[in-house]
Amino acid sequence: MKKDIEIPKVDGVYVAAVKVFNKDLNVDEWNAYIINDKDVDLEMVLIVSKGLSKDKKTAVMRHKLETLPAKSFAKIEYLQEEVLALVNTFEVSFFEGNKMFDKSFVFKANTINEKAYQVIPTMGGIQGVLVK
């Protein structure tokens, strides 16, 4: 029976942490984004995020996007400096056509930093920390 279950592979969808300047507060801050680098829209995107370490954990956050258009991105949440030292997990589920996809994107502890910068797909040359 298990061999009959198809688990489709997720390609072209990423989560990135990007440092942006907040004009209202006049500070740089980290934000998490979901990126759809595919040529098709994603529907009913559900994201569950949490941060963990041996002795700390964050609240579980839930986010929903009705549609994430092809070759686009959307902000998931603000990342406080304190959570960057934790393992940050983003569980992403979505529909592409009539098929459901699911993937965990994990930022290991202390990996969200400027030393890990790379160009983020679909974000117009912006650099950040990418999890594929």
Protein backbone atom coordinates (compact mmCIF):
# COMPACT_ATOMS: atom_id res chain seq x y z
CA MET A 1 0.00 0.00 0.00
CA LYS A 2 2.77 2.50 0.85
CA LYS A 3 4.32 1.99 -2.57
CA ASP A 4 1.08 3.23 -4.15
CA ILE A 5 1.24 6.63 -2.42
CA GLU A 6 2.73 9.30 -4.65
CA ILE A 7 4.57 12.10 -2.87
CA PRO A 8 5.30 14.78 -5.48
CA LYS A 9 8.63 16.59 -5.29
CA VAL A 10 8.57 20.35 -4.75
CA ASP A 11 10.70 22.31 -7.22
CA GLY A 12 10.78 26.04 -7.88
CA VAL A 13 9.35 27.04 -4.49
CA TYR A 14 11.67 28.49 -1.86
CA VAL A 15 11.75 30.32 1.44
CA ALA A 16 14.21 33.17 1.92
CA ALA A 17 15.25 35.42 4.77
CA VAL A 18 15.98 38.93 3.50
CA LYS A 19 17.24 41.94 5.42
CA VAL A 20 15.26 45.04 4.45
CA PHE A 21 15.22 48.63 5.63
CA ASN A 22 12.08 49.58 7.56
CA LYS A 23 11.51 53.27 6.75
CA ASP A 24 8.93 53.72 9.52
CA LEU A 25 11.26 52.47 12.28
CA ASN A 26 14.50 53.56 10.56
CA VAL A 27 16.13 50.12 11.11
CA ASP A 28 17.22 47.07 9.13
CA GLU A 29 15.11 43.99 9.85
CA TRP A 30 14.92 40.38 8.67
CA ASN A 31 11.77 39.14 6.97
CA ALA A 32 10.87 35.68 5.66
CA TYR A 33 9.46 35.40 2.14
CA ILE A 34 7.94 32.58 0.12
CA ILE A 35 9.06 32.53 -3.50
CA ASN A 36 7.25 30.96 -6.44
CA ASP A 37 9.83 30.64 -9.22
CA LYS A 38 7.50 28.40 -11.23
CA ASP A 39 5.62 29.32 -14.41
CA VAL A 40 2.29 28.44 -12.78
CA ASP A 41 0.29 29.94 -9.92
CA LEU A 42 0.19 28.22 -6.54
CA GLU A 43 -3.19 28.00 -4.85
CA MET A 44 -4.20 27.78 -1.20
CA VAL A 45 -0.68 28.23 0.16
CA LEU A 46 -0.52 27.31 3.85
CA ILE A 47 2.59 28.08 5.90
CA VAL A 48 3.26 27.00 9.47
CA SER A 49 6.38 28.50 11.04
CA LYS A 50 8.15 27.91 14.33
CA GLY A 51 11.54 28.33 15.95
CA LEU A 52 13.19 25.80 18.27
CA SER A 53 16.33 25.20 20.29
CA LYS A 54 17.11 22.87 23.20
CA ASP A 55 15.67 25.25 25.76
CA LYS A 56 13.58 27.76 23.76
CA LYS A 57 10.71 27.72 21.33
CA THR A 58 8.57 30.30 19.62
CA ALA A 59 4.84 30.35 19.18
CA VAL A 60 3.60 28.49 16.12
CA MET A 61 2.53 30.96 13.43
CA ARG A 62 0.10 30.11 10.64
CA HIS A 63 -0.24 31.99 7.35
CA LYS A 64 -2.46 31.56 4.30
CA LEU A 65 -2.28 32.91 0.77
CA GLU A 66 -5.20 32.25 -1.58
CA THR A 67 -2.89 32.51 -4.60
CA LEU A 68 0.83 33.06 -5.13
CA PRO A 69 1.18 34.03 -8.81
CA ALA A 70 3.87 32.56 -11.05
CA LYS A 71 7.31 34.19 -10.75
CA SER A 72 6.34 36.15 -7.62
CA PHE A 73 6.99 36.29 -3.90
CA ALA A 74 5.15 37.25 -0.72
CA LYS A 75 6.23 38.24 2.75
CA ILE A 76 5.55 35.56 5.33
CA GLU A 77 6.60 37.27 8.55
CA TYR A 78 9.05 39.49 10.38
CA LEU A 79 11.93 37.60 12.04
CA GLN A 80 13.00 39.05 15.38
CA GLU A 81 16.74 39.08 16.05
CA GLU A 82 16.24 36.65 18.97
CA VAL A 83 14.83 33.91 16.73
CA LEU A 84 17.80 33.95 14.35
CA ALA A 85 19.74 31.86 16.90
CA LEU A 86 17.04 29.16 16.73
CA VAL A 87 16.29 26.49 14.14
CA ASN A 88 13.50 28.14 12.11
CA THR A 89 11.15 25.82 10.24
CA PHE A 90 8.58 26.76 7.61
CA GLU A 91 6.17 23.96 6.67
CA VAL A 92 4.67 24.91 3.29
CA SER A 93 1.68 23.21 1.64
CA PHE A 94 0.01 24.29 -1.59
CA PHE A 95 -1.99 23.15 -4.57
CA GLU A 96 -0.64 23.22 -8.10
CA GLY A 97 -3.47 22.24 -10.38
CA ASN A 98 -5.36 19.53 -8.53
CA LYS A 99 -2.29 18.11 -6.78
CA MET A 100 -1.22 18.97 -3.24
CA PHE A 101 2.48 19.58 -2.48
CA ASP A 102 4.20 19.81 0.88
CA LYS A 103 7.74 20.68 1.94
CA SER A 104 9.67 21.74 5.05
CA PHE A 105 12.14 24.59 4.68
CA VAL A 106 14.63 24.76 7.56
CA PHE A 107 17.05 27.53 8.49
CA LYS A 108 19.58 26.00 10.87
CA ALA A 109 20.48 27.97 14.00
CA ASN A 110 22.54 31.11 13.31
CA THR A 111 22.53 30.60 9.51
CA ILE A 112 20.42 33.69 8.84
CA ASN A 113 23.21 36.23 8.47
CA GLU A 114 24.86 38.38 5.82
CA LYS A 115 27.72 35.87 5.34
CA ALA A 116 25.22 33.44 3.78
CA TYR A 117 23.90 35.93 1.20
CA GLN A 118 23.07 34.82 -2.32
CA VAL A 119 20.87 36.25 -5.06
CA ILE A 120 17.25 35.31 -4.42
CA PRO A 121 15.28 34.07 -7.48
CA THR A 122 12.34 36.20 -8.65
CA MET A 123 13.19 39.08 -6.29
CA GLY A 124 15.00 41.25 -8.84
CA GLY A 125 18.60 40.79 -7.73
CA ILE A 126 17.93 41.15 -4.01
CA GLN A 127 20.29 39.13 -1.81
CA GLY A 128 19.36 37.08 1.23
CA VAL A 129 19.55 33.62 2.75
CA LEU A 130 17.79 31.00 0.64
CA VAL A 131 16.47 27.54 1.57
CA LYS A 132 15.59 25.24 -1.32
